[in-house]
C-alpha atoms as a PDB file:
ATOM      1  CA  MET A   1      74.916 -20.472 367.455  1.00  0.00           C
ATOM      2  CA  ASP A   2      73.291 -17.572 368.762  1.00  0.00           C
ATOM      3  CA  SER A   3      73.478 -14.236 367.707  1.00  0.00           C
ATOM      4  CA  PRO A   4      76.161 -11.915 369.166  1.00  0.00           C
ATOM      5  CA  ASN A   5      73.278  -9.496 369.753  1.00  0.00           C
ATOM      6  CA  SER A   6      70.713 -12.147 371.037  1.00  0.00           C
ATOM      7  CA  LYS A   7      71.892 -11.862 374.442  1.00  0.00           C
ATOM      8  CA  PHE A   8      72.348  -8.062 374.754  1.00  0.00           C
ATOM      9  CA  ARG A   9      71.810  -7.841 378.519  1.00  0.00           C
ATOM     10  CA  ASP A  10      74.385 -10.549 379.364  1.00  0.00           C
ATOM     11  CA  PHE A  11      77.114  -8.817 377.851  1.00  0.00           C
ATOM     12  CA  ASN A  12      80.409  -8.783 379.434  1.00  0.00           C
ATOM     13  CA  PHE A  13      82.593  -5.605 377.626  1.00  0.00           C
ATOM     14  CA  THR A  14      85.483  -5.816 379.892  1.00  0.00           C
ATOM     15  CA  GLN A  15      86.098  -9.975 379.688  1.00  0.00           C
ATOM     16  CA  GLY A  16      85.089  -9.143 375.537  1.00  0.00           C
ATOM     17  CA  GLU A  17      82.326  -8.587 373.642  1.00  0.00           C
ATOM     18  CA  LEU A  18      81.606  -9.196 369.632  1.00  0.00           C
ATOM     19  CA  LEU A  19      79.023  -6.752 368.494  1.00  0.00           C
ATOM     20  CA  LEU A  20      77.566  -6.466 365.037  1.00  0.00           C
ATOM     21  CA  VAL A  21      76.887  -3.216 363.291  1.00  0.00           C
ATOM     22  CA  ASN A  22      75.267  -1.703 360.341  1.00  0.00           C
ATOM     23  CA  LYS A  23      78.085   0.730 359.091  1.00  0.00           C
ATOM     24  CA  PRO A  24      76.252   4.079 358.185  1.00  0.00           C
ATOM     25  CA  TYR A  25      77.124   5.526 354.951  1.00  0.00           C
ATOM     26  CA  ASN A  26      79.430   7.934 354.949  1.00  0.00           C
ATOM     27  CA  TRP A  27      80.957   7.007 358.150  1.00  0.00           C
ATOM     28  CA  THR A  28      84.503   5.445 358.326  1.00  0.00           C
ATOM     29  CA  SER A  29      84.686   2.436 360.204  1.00  0.00           C
ATOM     30  CA  PHE A  30      87.084   4.187 362.780  1.00  0.00           C
ATOM     31  CA  ASP A  31      83.852   6.421 363.181  1.00  0.00           C
ATOM     32  CA  VAL A  32      81.918   3.523 364.392  1.00  0.00           C
ATOM     33  CA  VAL A  33      84.855   2.069 366.354  1.00  0.00           C
ATOM     34  CA  GLY A  34      85.109   5.429 368.003  1.00  0.00           C
ATOM     35  CA  LYS A  35      81.491   6.162 368.850  1.00  0.00           C
ATOM     36  CA  ILE A  36      81.007   2.825 370.640  1.00  0.00           C
ATOM     37  CA  ARG A  37      84.374   3.573 372.396  1.00  0.00           C
ATOM     38  CA  ASN A  38      83.181   6.897 373.788  1.00  0.00           C
ATOM     39  CA  THR A  39      80.028   5.297 375.100  1.00  0.00           C
ATOM     40  CA  LEU A  40      81.888   2.871 376.794  1.00  0.00           C
ATOM     41  CA  LYS A  41      84.723   5.803 378.014  1.00  0.00           C
ATOM     42  CA  PRO A  42      84.115   4.825 381.574  1.00  0.00           C
ATOM     43  CA  LEU A  43      85.365   1.192 381.310  1.00  0.00           C
ATOM     44  CA  LYS A  44      88.555   2.483 379.432  1.00  0.00           C
ATOM     45  CA  LEU A  45      88.147  -0.320 377.069  1.00  0.00           C
ATOM     46  CA  LYS A  46      89.766  -1.112 374.165  1.00  0.00           C
ATOM     47  CA  VAL A  47      87.897  -1.608 371.098  1.00  0.00           C
ATOM     48  CA  GLY A  48      88.494  -2.364 367.115  1.00  0.00           C
ATOM     49  CA  HIS A  49      86.871  -3.631 364.068  1.00  0.00           C
ATOM     50  CA  ALA A  50      87.565  -6.631 361.987  1.00  0.00           C
ATOM     51  CA  GLY A  51      87.685  -5.508 358.367  1.00  0.00           C
ATOM     52  CA  THR A  52      87.362  -2.239 356.981  1.00  0.00           C
ATOM     53  CA  LEU A  53      84.668  -0.851 355.304  1.00  0.00           C
ATOM     54  CA  ASP A  54      85.076   2.356 352.851  1.00  0.00           C
ATOM     55  CA  PRO A  55      83.116   5.202 353.892  1.00  0.00           C
ATOM     56  CA  LEU A  56      80.653   4.910 351.130  1.00  0.00           C
ATOM     57  CA  ALA A  57      79.919   1.492 351.942  1.00  0.00           C
ATOM     58  CA  THR A  58      77.325   0.241 354.315  1.00  0.00           C
ATOM     59  CA  GLY A  59      76.913  -2.985 355.931  1.00  0.00           C
ATOM     60  CA  LEU A  60      78.280  -5.517 358.424  1.00  0.00           C
ATOM     61  CA  LEU A  61      81.112  -4.410 360.457  1.00  0.00           C
ATOM     62  CA  ILE A  62      82.169  -6.737 363.631  1.00  0.00           C
ATOM     63  CA  ILE A  63      83.279  -4.683 366.785  1.00  0.00           C
ATOM     64  CA  CYS A  64      85.359  -6.266 369.548  1.00  0.00           C
ATOM     65  CA  THR A  65      85.655  -5.239 372.857  1.00  0.00           C
ATOM     66  CA  GLY A  66      88.061  -5.468 375.853  1.00  0.00           C
ATOM     67  CA  LYS A  67      89.956  -8.949 375.773  1.00  0.00           C
ATOM     68  CA  LEU A  68      88.517  -9.954 372.669  1.00  0.00           C
ATOM     69  CA  THR A  69      90.350  -7.429 370.603  1.00  0.00           C
ATOM     70  CA  LYS A  70      93.111 -10.074 370.629  1.00  0.00           C
ATOM     71  CA  GLN A  71      90.703 -12.345 368.227  1.00  0.00           C
ATOM     72  CA  ILE A  72      90.424  -9.649 365.649  1.00  0.00           C
ATOM     73  CA  ASP A  73      92.758 -10.841 362.926  1.00  0.00           C
ATOM     74  CA  THR A  74      90.820 -14.129 363.385  1.00  0.00           C
ATOM     75  CA  PHE A  75      87.561 -12.729 362.811  1.00  0.00           C
ATOM     76  CA  GLN A  76      89.345 -10.465 360.090  1.00  0.00           C
ATOM     77  CA  ALA A  77      90.537 -13.355 358.038  1.00  0.00           C
ATOM     78  CA  GLU A  78      87.232 -15.105 357.207  1.00  0.00           C
ATOM     79  CA  GLU A  79      85.208 -15.024 354.108  1.00  0.00           C
ATOM     80  CA  LYS A  80      83.065 -12.043 353.316  1.00  0.00           C
ATOM     81  CA  GLU A  81      79.832 -11.479 351.143  1.00  0.00           C
ATOM     82  CA  TYR A  82      78.665  -8.353 349.162  1.00  0.00           C
ATOM     83  CA  THR A  83      76.184  -6.751 347.148  1.00  0.00           C
ATOM     84  CA  GLY A  84      76.361  -3.833 345.199  1.00  0.00           C
ATOM     85  CA  THR A  85      75.235  -2.253 342.223  1.00  0.00           C
ATOM     86  CA  MET A  86      78.194  -0.806 339.484  1.00  0.00           C
ATOM     87  CA  ILE A  87      77.621   1.691 336.594  1.00  0.00           C
ATOM     88  CA  LEU A  88      78.797   0.692 333.326  1.00  0.00           C
ATOM     89  CA  GLY A  89      79.754   3.275 330.852  1.00  0.00           C
ATOM     90  CA  ALA A  90      82.004   5.250 332.994  1.00  0.00           C
ATOM     91  CA  THR A  91      85.181   5.191 335.343  1.00  0.00           C
ATOM     92  CA  THR A  92      86.186   7.204 337.969  1.00  0.00           C
ATOM     93  CA  PRO A  93      89.566   7.669 339.539  1.00  0.00           C
ATOM     94  CA  SER A  94      88.850   5.878 343.026  1.00  0.00           C
ATOM     95  CA  TYR A  95      86.717   3.356 341.398  1.00  0.00           C
ATOM     96  CA  ASP A  96      83.567   4.761 343.123  1.00  0.00           C
ATOM     97  CA  MET A  97      81.692   7.867 343.550  1.00  0.00           C
ATOM     98  CA  GLU A  98      84.240   9.589 345.937  1.00  0.00           C
ATOM     99  CA  THR A  99      85.401  11.042 342.902  1.00  0.00           C
ATOM    100  CA  ASP A 100      84.247  12.041 339.468  1.00  0.00           C
ATOM    101  CA  VAL A 101      84.026  10.822 336.442  1.00  0.00           C
ATOM    102  CA  ASP A 102      87.027  10.797 334.064  1.00  0.00           C
ATOM    103  CA  GLU A 103      86.259   8.824 330.843  1.00  0.00           C
ATOM    104  CA  THR A 104      82.924   8.101 329.475  1.00  0.00           C
ATOM    105  CA  PHE A 105      81.955   5.181 327.210  1.00  0.00           C
ATOM    106  CA  ASP A 106      79.281   3.625 325.230  1.00  0.00           C
ATOM    107  CA  PRO A 107      77.657   0.732 327.339  1.00  0.00           C
ATOM    108  CA  GLY A 108      74.659   0.483 324.783  1.00  0.00           C
ATOM    109  CA  SER A 109      76.151  -2.376 323.010  1.00  0.00           C
ATOM    110  CA  LEU A 110      76.738  -4.622 325.699  1.00  0.00           C
ATOM    111  CA  THR A 111      74.151  -7.340 325.987  1.00  0.00           C
ATOM    112  CA  GLU A 112      72.783  -9.282 328.970  1.00  0.00           C
ATOM    113  CA  ALA A 113      74.516 -12.553 328.158  1.00  0.00           C
ATOM    114  CA  GLN A 114      77.996 -10.707 327.630  1.00  0.00           C
ATOM    115  CA  ILE A 115      77.606  -9.039 331.040  1.00  0.00           C
ATOM    116  CA  ARG A 116      76.859 -12.551 332.559  1.00  0.00           C
ATOM    117  CA  ALA A 117      79.265 -14.410 331.070  1.00  0.00           C
ATOM    118  CA  ASN A 118      82.174 -11.743 331.983  1.00  0.00           C
ATOM    119  CA  CYS A 119      81.598 -12.854 335.546  1.00  0.00           C
ATOM    120  CA  ALA A 120      83.539 -16.226 335.059  1.00  0.00           C
ATOM    121  CA  GLN A 121      86.905 -14.829 334.477  1.00  0.00           C
ATOM    122  CA  PHE A 122      86.622 -13.049 337.681  1.00  0.00           C
ATOM    123  CA  THR A 123      85.546 -16.090 339.515  1.00  0.00           C
ATOM    124  CA  GLY A 124      88.301 -18.128 341.519  1.00  0.00           C
ATOM    125  CA  ASP A 125      91.758 -17.213 342.330  1.00  0.00           C
ATOM    126  CA  ILE A 126      92.591 -13.775 340.731  1.00  0.00           C
ATOM    127  CA  GLN A 127      95.055 -10.840 340.731  1.00  0.00           C
ATOM    128  CA  GLN A 128      93.991  -7.361 340.937  1.00  0.00           C
ATOM    129  CA  TYR A 129      95.445  -4.087 342.283  1.00  0.00           C
ATOM    130  CA  PRO A 130      93.959  -1.962 345.089  1.00  0.00           C
ATOM    131  CA  PRO A 131      92.208   1.284 344.156  1.00  0.00           C
ATOM    132  CA  ALA A 132      94.598   4.078 344.578  1.00  0.00           C
ATOM    133  CA  HIS A 133      91.930   5.918 346.619  1.00  0.00           C
ATOM    134  CA  SER A 134      92.488   3.056 349.285  1.00  0.00           C
ATOM    135  CA  ALA A 135      93.579   2.600 352.929  1.00  0.00           C
ATOM    136  CA  VAL A 136      96.216   0.514 351.849  1.00  0.00           C
ATOM    137  CA  LYS A 137      99.535   1.804 353.845  1.00  0.00           C
ATOM    138  CA  ILE A 138     102.696   1.976 351.741  1.00  0.00           C
ATOM    139  CA  ASN A 139     105.785   3.189 353.819  1.00  0.00           C
ATOM    140  CA  GLY A 140     103.337   3.810 356.593  1.00  0.00           C
ATOM    141  CA  GLU A 141     101.323   6.356 354.609  1.00  0.00           C
ATOM    142  CA  ARG A 142      97.609   5.707 353.414  1.00  0.00           C
ATOM    143  CA  LEU A 143      97.280   5.504 349.926  1.00  0.00           C
ATOM    144  CA  TYR A 144      94.428   7.664 349.489  1.00  0.00           C
ATOM    145  CA  GLU A 145      96.144  10.383 351.707  1.00  0.00           C
ATOM    146  CA  LYS A 146      98.698   9.874 348.433  1.00  0.00           C
ATOM    147  CA  ALA A 147      96.134  10.288 346.051  1.00  0.00           C
ATOM    148  CA  ARG A 148      94.131  13.022 347.660  1.00  0.00           C
ATOM    149  CA  ARG A 149      97.123  15.435 347.364  1.00  0.00           C
ATOM    150  CA  GLY A 150      97.592  14.309 343.550  1.00  0.00           C
ATOM    151  CA  GLU A 151     100.596  12.581 344.240  1.00  0.00           C
ATOM    152  CA  ASP A 152     101.589   9.255 342.248  1.00  0.00           C
ATOM    153  CA  VAL A 153     100.654   6.120 343.974  1.00  0.00           C
ATOM    154  CA  GLU A 154     102.532   2.930 343.860  1.00  0.00           C
ATOM    155  CA  LEU A 155     100.203   0.213 343.451  1.00  0.00           C
ATOM    156  CA  ARG A 156     100.779  -3.541 344.388  1.00  0.00           C
ATOM    157  CA  LEU A 157      99.825  -6.473 342.750  1.00  0.00           C
ATOM    158  CA  ARG A 158      97.770  -8.997 345.377  1.00  0.00           C
ATOM    159  CA  PHE A 159      96.139 -12.291 345.138  1.00  0.00           C
ATOM    160  CA  VAL A 160      92.750 -12.865 345.906  1.00  0.00           C
ATOM    161  CA  THR A 161      89.596 -15.431 345.548  1.00  0.00           C
ATOM    162  CA  ILE A 162      86.288 -14.445 344.476  1.00  0.00           C
ATOM    163  CA  SER A 163      84.191 -17.873 345.347  1.00  0.00           C
ATOM    164  CA  GLU A 164      80.868 -16.375 343.933  1.00  0.00           C
ATOM    165  CA  PHE A 165      80.263 -13.801 341.515  1.00  0.00           C
ATOM    166  CA  GLU A 166      76.908 -13.474 339.947  1.00  0.00           C
ATOM    167  CA  ILE A 167      74.577 -11.102 338.536  1.00  0.00           C
ATOM    168  CA  THR A 168      71.258 -10.038 339.969  1.00  0.00           C
ATOM    169  CA  ARG A 169      69.558  -7.352 337.859  1.00  0.00           C
ATOM    170  CA  ILE A 170      70.818  -5.766 334.497  1.00  0.00           C
ATOM    171  CA  GLU A 171      68.988  -2.245 333.813  1.00  0.00           C
ATOM    172  CA  LEU A 172      71.949  -0.376 332.005  1.00  0.00           C
ATOM    173  CA  PRO A 173      74.035   1.495 332.947  1.00  0.00           C
ATOM    174  CA  GLU A 174      72.721  -0.272 336.215  1.00  0.00           C
ATOM    175  CA  VAL A 175      74.249  -3.767 337.123  1.00  0.00           C
ATOM    176  CA  ASP A 176      73.500  -5.361 340.543  1.00  0.00           C
ATOM    177  CA  PHE A 177      75.646  -8.100 341.858  1.00  0.00           C
ATOM    178  CA  ARG A 178      76.799 -10.159 344.472  1.00  0.00           C
ATOM    179  CA  VAL A 179      80.291 -11.163 345.855  1.00  0.00           C
ATOM    180  CA  VAL A 180      81.584 -14.120 348.055  1.00  0.00           C
ATOM    181  CA  CYS A 181      85.252 -13.694 348.250  1.00  0.00           C
ATOM    182  CA  SER A 182      88.363 -13.702 350.908  1.00  0.00           C
ATOM    183  CA  LYS A 183      89.714 -11.036 352.798  1.00  0.00           C
ATOM    184  CA  GLY A 184      91.580  -8.418 351.352  1.00  0.00           C
ATOM    185  CA  THR A 185      89.687  -8.176 348.096  1.00  0.00           C
ATOM    186  CA  TYR A 186      88.373  -5.044 346.745  1.00  0.00           C
ATOM    187  CA  ILE A 187      85.621  -5.021 345.232  1.00  0.00           C
ATOM    188  CA  ARG A 188      85.786  -1.431 344.118  1.00  0.00           C
ATOM    189  CA  SER A 189      88.755  -2.857 341.986  1.00  0.00           C
ATOM    190  CA  LEU A 190      86.802  -5.743 340.595  1.00  0.00           C
ATOM    191  CA  VAL A 191      84.281  -3.982 339.510  1.00  0.00           C
ATOM    192  CA  ASN A 192      87.099  -1.489 337.329  1.00  0.00           C
ATOM    193  CA  ASP A 193      88.408  -4.499 336.115  1.00  0.00           C
ATOM    194  CA  PHE A 194      84.998  -5.813 334.892  1.00  0.00           C
ATOM    195  CA  GLY A 195      84.750  -2.711 332.893  1.00  0.00           C
ATOM    196  CA  LYS A 196      88.058  -3.213 331.299  1.00  0.00           C
ATOM    197  CA  ALA A 197      87.116  -6.859 330.096  1.00  0.00           C
ATOM    198  CA  LEU A 198      84.258  -5.486 328.675  1.00  0.00           C
ATOM    199  CA  ASN A 199      86.340  -2.860 326.489  1.00  0.00           C
ATOM    200  CA  ASN A 200      84.118  -0.527 328.470  1.00  0.00           C
ATOM    201  CA  GLY A 201      84.382   1.413 331.950  1.00  0.00           C
ATOM    202  CA  ALA A 202      82.474   0.569 335.035  1.00  0.00           C
ATOM    203  CA  TYR A 203      82.348   2.124 338.948  1.00  0.00           C
ATOM    204  CA  LEU A 204      80.529   1.259 342.263  1.00  0.00           C
ATOM    205  CA  SER A 205      77.867   3.370 343.426  1.00  0.00           C
ATOM    206  CA  ASN A 206      76.387   1.313 346.010  1.00  0.00           C
ATOM    207  CA  LEU A 207      77.974  -1.447 348.360  1.00  0.00           C
ATOM    208  CA  CYS A 208      76.873  -3.635 351.303  1.00  0.00           C
ATOM    209  CA  ARG A 209      78.623  -6.010 353.088  1.00  0.00           C
ATOM    210  CA  THR A 210      76.039  -8.865 353.917  1.00  0.00           C
ATOM    211  CA  ARG A 211      78.025 -11.240 355.371  1.00  0.00           C
ATOM    212  CA  SER A 212      81.121 -11.865 357.435  1.00  0.00           C
ATOM    213  CA  GLY A 213      82.307 -15.512 358.085  1.00  0.00           C
ATOM    214  CA  SER A 214      78.948 -16.797 360.003  1.00  0.00           C
ATOM    215  CA  PHE A 215      77.817 -13.596 360.870  1.00  0.00           C
ATOM    216  CA  ARG A 216      74.946 -11.496 359.062  1.00  0.00           C
ATOM    217  CA  ILE A 217      73.551  -8.174 358.492  1.00  0.00           C
ATOM    218  CA  GLU A 218      70.304  -9.373 359.526  1.00  0.00           C
ATOM    219  CA  ASP A 219      71.607  -9.387 362.718  1.00  0.00           C
ATOM    220  CA  ALA A 220      73.537  -6.122 363.394  1.00  0.00           C
ATOM    221  CA  PHE A 221      72.318  -3.057 365.121  1.00  0.00           C
ATOM    222  CA  GLU A 222      72.424   0.009 363.701  1.00  0.00           C
ATOM    223  CA  VAL A 223      74.757   2.337 365.641  1.00  0.00           C
ATOM    224  CA  VAL A 224      72.172   4.646 367.281  1.00  0.00           C
ATOM    225  CA  GLU A 225      70.556   1.613 368.451  1.00  0.00           C
ATOM    226  CA  LEU A 226      73.273   0.364 369.712  1.00  0.00           C
ATOM    227  CA  VAL A 227      74.459   3.277 371.425  1.00  0.00           C
ATOM    228  CA  GLU A 228      71.370   3.884 373.016  1.00  0.00           C
ATOM    229  CA  HIS A 229      71.156   0.041 374.568  1.00  0.00           C
ATOM    230  CA  ILE A 230      74.675   0.716 376.349  1.00  0.00           C
ATOM    231  CA  ARG A 231      73.242   3.918 377.728  1.00  0.00           C
ATOM    232  CA  GLU A 232      70.567   2.170 379.178  1.00  0.00           C
ATOM    233  CA  LEU A 233      73.047  -0.443 380.494  1.00  0.00           C
ATOM    234  CA  LYS A 234      74.646   2.578 382.339  1.00  0.00           C
ATOM    235  CA  THR A 235      71.373   2.445 384.937  1.00  0.00           C
ATOM    236  CA  GLN A 236      72.196  -0.848 385.569  1.00  0.00           C
ATOM    237  CA  PRO A 237      75.793  -1.497 386.695  1.00  0.00           C
ATOM    238  CA  GLU A 238      75.393  -5.153 387.292  1.00  0.00           C
ATOM    239  CA  LEU A 239      74.870  -5.829 383.531  1.00  0.00           C
ATOM    240  CA  LEU A 240      77.546  -3.172 382.688  1.00  0.00           C
ATOM    241  CA  LYS A 241      81.016  -5.179 383.524  1.00  0.00           C
END
Protein backbone atom coordinates (compact mmCIF):
# COMPACT_ATOMS: atom_id res chain seq x y z
CA MET A 1 0.00 0.00 0.00
CA ASP A 2 1.35 3.40 -0.98
CA SER A 3 1.86 5.92 1.78
CA PRO A 4 -0.95 8.52 1.85
CA ASN A 5 1.81 11.10 1.40
CA SER A 6 3.64 9.33 -1.43
CA LYS A 7 1.48 10.90 -4.17
CA PHE A 8 1.16 14.38 -2.76
CA ARG A 9 0.91 16.03 -6.19
CA ASP A 10 -2.19 13.96 -6.96
CA PHE A 11 -4.12 15.22 -3.93
CA ASN A 12 -7.80 15.92 -4.43
CA PHE A 13 -8.73 17.67 -1.19
CA THR A 14 -12.38 18.19 -2.12
CA GLN A 15 -13.08 14.53 -2.85
CA GLY A 16 -11.16 13.66 0.30
CA GLU A 17 -7.58 13.11 1.36
CA LEU A 18 -5.93 11.39 4.30
CA LEU A 19 -2.91 13.32 5.57
CA LEU A 20 -0.38 11.93 8.02
CA VAL A 21 1.06 14.63 10.28
CA ASN A 22 3.61 14.54 13.10
CA LYS A 23 1.89 16.62 15.79
CA PRO A 24 4.36 19.07 17.37
CA TYR A 25 4.96 19.23 21.11
CA ASN A 26 2.66 21.69 22.91
CA TRP A 27 0.21 21.83 20.01
CA THR A 28 -3.32 20.52 20.48
CA SER A 29 -4.74 18.20 17.85
CA PHE A 30 -7.22 20.97 17.05
CA ASP A 31 -4.32 23.38 16.48
CA VAL A 32 -3.07 21.09 13.71
CA VAL A 33 -6.54 20.78 12.17
CA GLY A 34 -6.98 24.55 12.32
CA LYS A 35 -3.65 25.20 10.63
CA ILE A 36 -4.46 22.88 7.74
CA ARG A 37 -8.04 24.11 7.44
CA ASN A 38 -6.82 27.69 7.30
CA THR A 39 -4.27 26.81 4.61
CA LEU A 40 -7.04 25.19 2.56
CA LYS A 41 -9.46 28.03 3.34
CA PRO A 42 -10.23 28.92 -0.31
CA LEU A 43 -11.73 25.44 -0.77
CA LYS A 44 -14.04 25.80 2.27
CA LEU A 45 -13.49 22.16 3.20
CA LYS A 46 -14.31 20.03 6.19
CA VAL A 47 -11.11 19.03 7.99
CA GLY A 48 -10.92 16.73 11.00
CA HIS A 49 -8.59 14.40 12.88
CA ALA A 50 -8.91 10.72 13.76
CA GLY A 51 -7.79 10.42 17.38
CA THR A 52 -6.79 13.16 19.83
CA LEU A 53 -3.22 13.48 21.08
CA ASP A 54 -2.54 15.38 24.31
CA PRO A 55 -0.73 18.73 23.88
CA LEU A 56 2.42 17.34 25.53
CA ALA A 57 2.46 14.29 23.24
CA THR A 58 3.89 14.16 19.74
CA GLY A 59 3.50 11.76 16.87
CA LEU A 60 1.12 10.47 14.26
CA LEU A 61 -2.09 12.40 13.74
CA ILE A 62 -4.40 11.34 10.92
CA ILE A 63 -6.07 14.32 9.24
CA CYS A 64 -9.02 13.86 6.86
CA THR A 65 -10.35 16.43 4.39
CA GLY A 66 -13.52 16.77 2.33
CA LYS A 67 -15.66 13.68 1.91
CA LEU A 68 -13.11 11.50 3.68
CA THR A 69 -14.09 13.09 7.00
CA LYS A 70 -17.04 10.67 6.95
CA GLN A 71 -14.54 7.86 7.59
CA ILE A 72 -12.90 9.44 10.64
CA ASP A 73 -14.62 7.05 13.06
CA THR A 74 -13.24 4.08 11.11
CA PHE A 75 -9.65 5.37 11.25
CA GLN A 76 -10.04 6.37 14.90
CA ALA A 77 -11.12 2.85 15.90
CA GLU A 78 -7.87 1.27 14.74
CA GLU A 79 -5.13 -0.07 17.01
CA LYS A 80 -2.48 2.43 18.17
CA GLU A 81 1.20 2.12 19.06
CA TYR A 82 3.09 4.49 21.37
CA THR A 83 6.59 4.89 22.72
CA GLY A 84 7.26 6.95 25.81
CA THR A 85 9.10 7.62 29.03
CA MET A 86 7.75 7.48 32.58
CA ILE A 87 9.36 8.89 35.71
CA LEU A 88 9.20 6.54 38.70
CA GLY A 89 9.21 7.92 42.23
CA ALA A 90 6.66 10.72 41.85
CA THR A 91 3.09 11.53 40.78
CA THR A 92 1.33 14.56 39.35
CA PRO A 93 -2.43 15.37 39.31
CA SER A 94 -2.49 15.26 35.50
CA TYR A 95 -0.38 12.06 35.36
CA ASP A 96 2.08 13.93 33.11
CA MET A 97 4.19 17.11 33.12
CA GLU A 98 1.26 19.51 32.70
CA THR A 99 1.02 19.84 36.49
CA ASP A 100 3.62 19.88 39.26
CA VAL A 101 4.66 16.87 41.33
CA ASP A 102 2.27 16.37 44.26
CA GLU A 103 3.78 13.28 45.90
CA THR A 104 7.21 11.63 45.93
CA PHE A 105 8.42 8.10 46.60
CA ASP A 106 11.76 6.30 46.77
CA PRO A 107 12.24 4.19 43.60
CA GLY A 108 15.72 3.07 44.68
CA SER A 109 14.55 -0.30 46.00
CA LEU A 110 12.83 -1.27 42.75
CA THR A 111 14.68 -3.85 40.71
CA GLU A 112 14.77 -4.12 36.94
CA ALA A 113 13.10 -7.52 37.20
CA GLN A 114 10.20 -6.07 39.24
CA ILE A 115 9.68 -3.24 36.77
CA ARG A 116 9.66 -5.53 33.73
CA ALA A 117 7.43 -8.12 35.39
CA ASN A 118 4.92 -5.39 36.30
CA CYS A 119 3.91 -5.09 32.62
CA ALA A 120 2.16 -8.48 32.68
CA GLN A 121 -0.79 -7.34 34.79
CA PHE A 122 -1.44 -4.48 32.36
CA THR A 123 -1.53 -6.65 29.25
CA GLY A 124 -4.82 -7.88 27.80
CA ASP A 125 -8.27 -6.50 28.61
CA ILE A 126 -7.95 -4.07 31.52
CA GLN A 127 -9.95 -1.34 33.23
CA GLN A 128 -8.74 2.21 33.74
CA TYR A 129 -10.02 5.64 34.71
CA PRO A 130 -9.26 8.55 32.38
CA PRO A 131 -7.12 11.32 33.90
CA ALA A 132 -8.99 14.21 35.49
CA HIS A 133 -7.01 16.43 33.12
CA SER A 134 -8.37 14.89 29.91
CA ALA A 135 -10.59 15.78 26.96
CA VAL A 136 -13.31 13.33 27.99
CA LYS A 137 -16.70 15.07 28.09
CA ILE A 138 -19.07 14.77 31.05
CA ASN A 139 -22.39 16.59 30.64
CA GLY A 140 -20.99 18.43 27.63
CA GLU A 141 -17.88 19.79 29.35
CA ARG A 142 -14.27 18.59 29.05
CA LEU A 143 -12.87 17.10 32.24
CA TYR A 144 -9.74 19.24 32.05
CA GLU A 145 -11.87 22.41 32.14
CA LYS A 146 -13.32 21.35 35.50
CA ALA A 147 -9.96 20.11 36.80
CA ARG A 148 -8.21 23.39 35.95
CA ARG A 149 -10.89 25.27 37.93
CA GLY A 150 -10.18 23.03 40.91
CA GLU A 151 -13.62 21.38 40.77
CA ASP A 152 -14.28 17.75 41.65
CA VAL A 153 -14.24 15.58 38.55
CA GLU A 154 -16.40 12.51 38.01
CA LEU A 155 -14.27 9.72 36.54
CA ARG A 156 -15.92 6.77 34.85
CA LEU A 157 -14.20 3.40 34.55
CA ARG A 158 -13.57 2.20 31.00
CA PHE A 159 -12.41 -1.05 29.43
CA VAL A 160 -9.43 -1.02 27.05
CA THR A 161 -7.13 -3.61 25.51
CA ILE A 162 -3.34 -3.58 25.79
CA SER A 163 -1.94 -5.96 23.15
CA GLU A 164 1.72 -5.32 23.91
CA PHE A 165 3.50 -3.56 26.77
CA GLU A 166 7.27 -3.76 27.00
CA ILE A 167 10.00 -1.90 28.85
CA THR A 168 12.78 -0.81 26.48
CA ARG A 169 15.14 1.07 28.83
CA ILE A 170 15.58 1.45 32.59
CA GLU A 171 17.75 4.23 34.00
CA LEU A 172 15.95 5.17 37.19
CA PRO A 173 14.02 7.27 37.66
CA GLU A 174 13.45 7.11 33.87
CA VAL A 175 11.81 4.08 32.26
CA ASP A 176 11.18 3.87 28.51
CA PHE A 177 8.36 1.72 27.15
CA ARG A 178 6.38 0.70 24.07
CA VAL A 179 2.63 0.05 24.10
CA VAL A 180 0.21 -1.32 21.50
CA CYS A 181 -3.39 -0.68 22.53
CA SER A 182 -7.00 -0.18 21.56
CA LYS A 183 -8.83 3.05 20.85
CA GLY A 184 -9.57 5.09 23.97
CA THR A 185 -6.55 3.96 25.99
CA TYR A 186 -5.01 6.68 28.16
CA ILE A 187 -1.28 6.08 28.38
CA ARG A 188 -1.09 8.61 31.23
CA SER A 189 -3.52 6.47 33.24
CA LEU A 190 -1.58 3.34 32.35
CA VAL A 191 1.62 4.93 33.67
CA ASN A 192 -0.08 6.14 36.85
CA ASP A 193 -1.53 2.68 37.51
CA PHE A 194 1.87 1.12 36.73
CA GLY A 195 3.45 3.16 39.51
CA LYS A 196 0.72 2.25 41.98
CA ALA A 197 1.16 -1.44 41.23
CA LEU A 198 4.80 -1.11 42.29
CA ASN A 199 3.70 0.55 45.56
CA ASN A 200 5.42 3.63 44.20
CA GLY A 201 4.49 6.46 41.88
CA ALA A 202 4.93 7.29 38.20
CA TYR A 203 4.05 10.00 35.73
CA LEU A 204 4.46 10.39 31.98
CA SER A 205 7.30 12.63 30.79
CA ASN A 206 7.33 11.86 27.07
CA LEU A 207 4.93 10.23 24.61
CA CYS A 208 4.92 9.68 20.85
CA ARG A 209 2.26 7.91 18.79
CA THR A 210 4.23 5.84 16.29
CA ARG A 211 1.42 3.99 14.52
CA SER A 212 -2.33 4.06 13.97
CA GLY A 213 -3.67 1.02 12.14
CA SER A 214 -1.33 0.50 9.17
CA PHE A 215 -0.17 4.14 9.11
CA ARG A 216 3.24 4.96 10.59
CA ILE A 217 5.02 8.04 11.88
CA GLU A 218 7.85 7.48 9.36
CA ASP A 219 5.44 8.52 6.59
CA ALA A 220 4.14 11.64 8.33
CA PHE A 221 4.68 15.25 7.33
CA GLU A 222 5.90 17.91 9.72
CA VAL A 223 3.19 20.60 9.93
CA VAL A 224 5.39 23.32 8.42
CA GLU A 225 6.41 21.03 5.56
CA LEU A 226 2.81 20.13 4.74
CA VAL A 227 1.64 23.72 4.84
CA GLU A 228 4.46 24.75 2.48
CA HIS A 229 3.48 21.99 0.05
CA ILE A 230 -0.17 23.05 0.05
CA ARG A 231 0.83 26.67 -0.57
CA GLU A 232 2.93 25.54 -3.52
CA LEU A 233 -0.11 23.77 -4.94
CA LYS A 234 -2.03 27.06 -4.91
CA THR A 235 0.19 28.18 -7.80
CA GLN A 236 -0.89 25.06 -9.71
CA PRO A 237 -4.72 25.06 -9.67
CA GLU A 238 -4.97 21.76 -11.53
CA LEU A 239 -3.38 20.06 -8.49
CA LEU A 240 -5.45 21.86 -5.86
CA LYS A 241 -8.92 20.53 -6.71
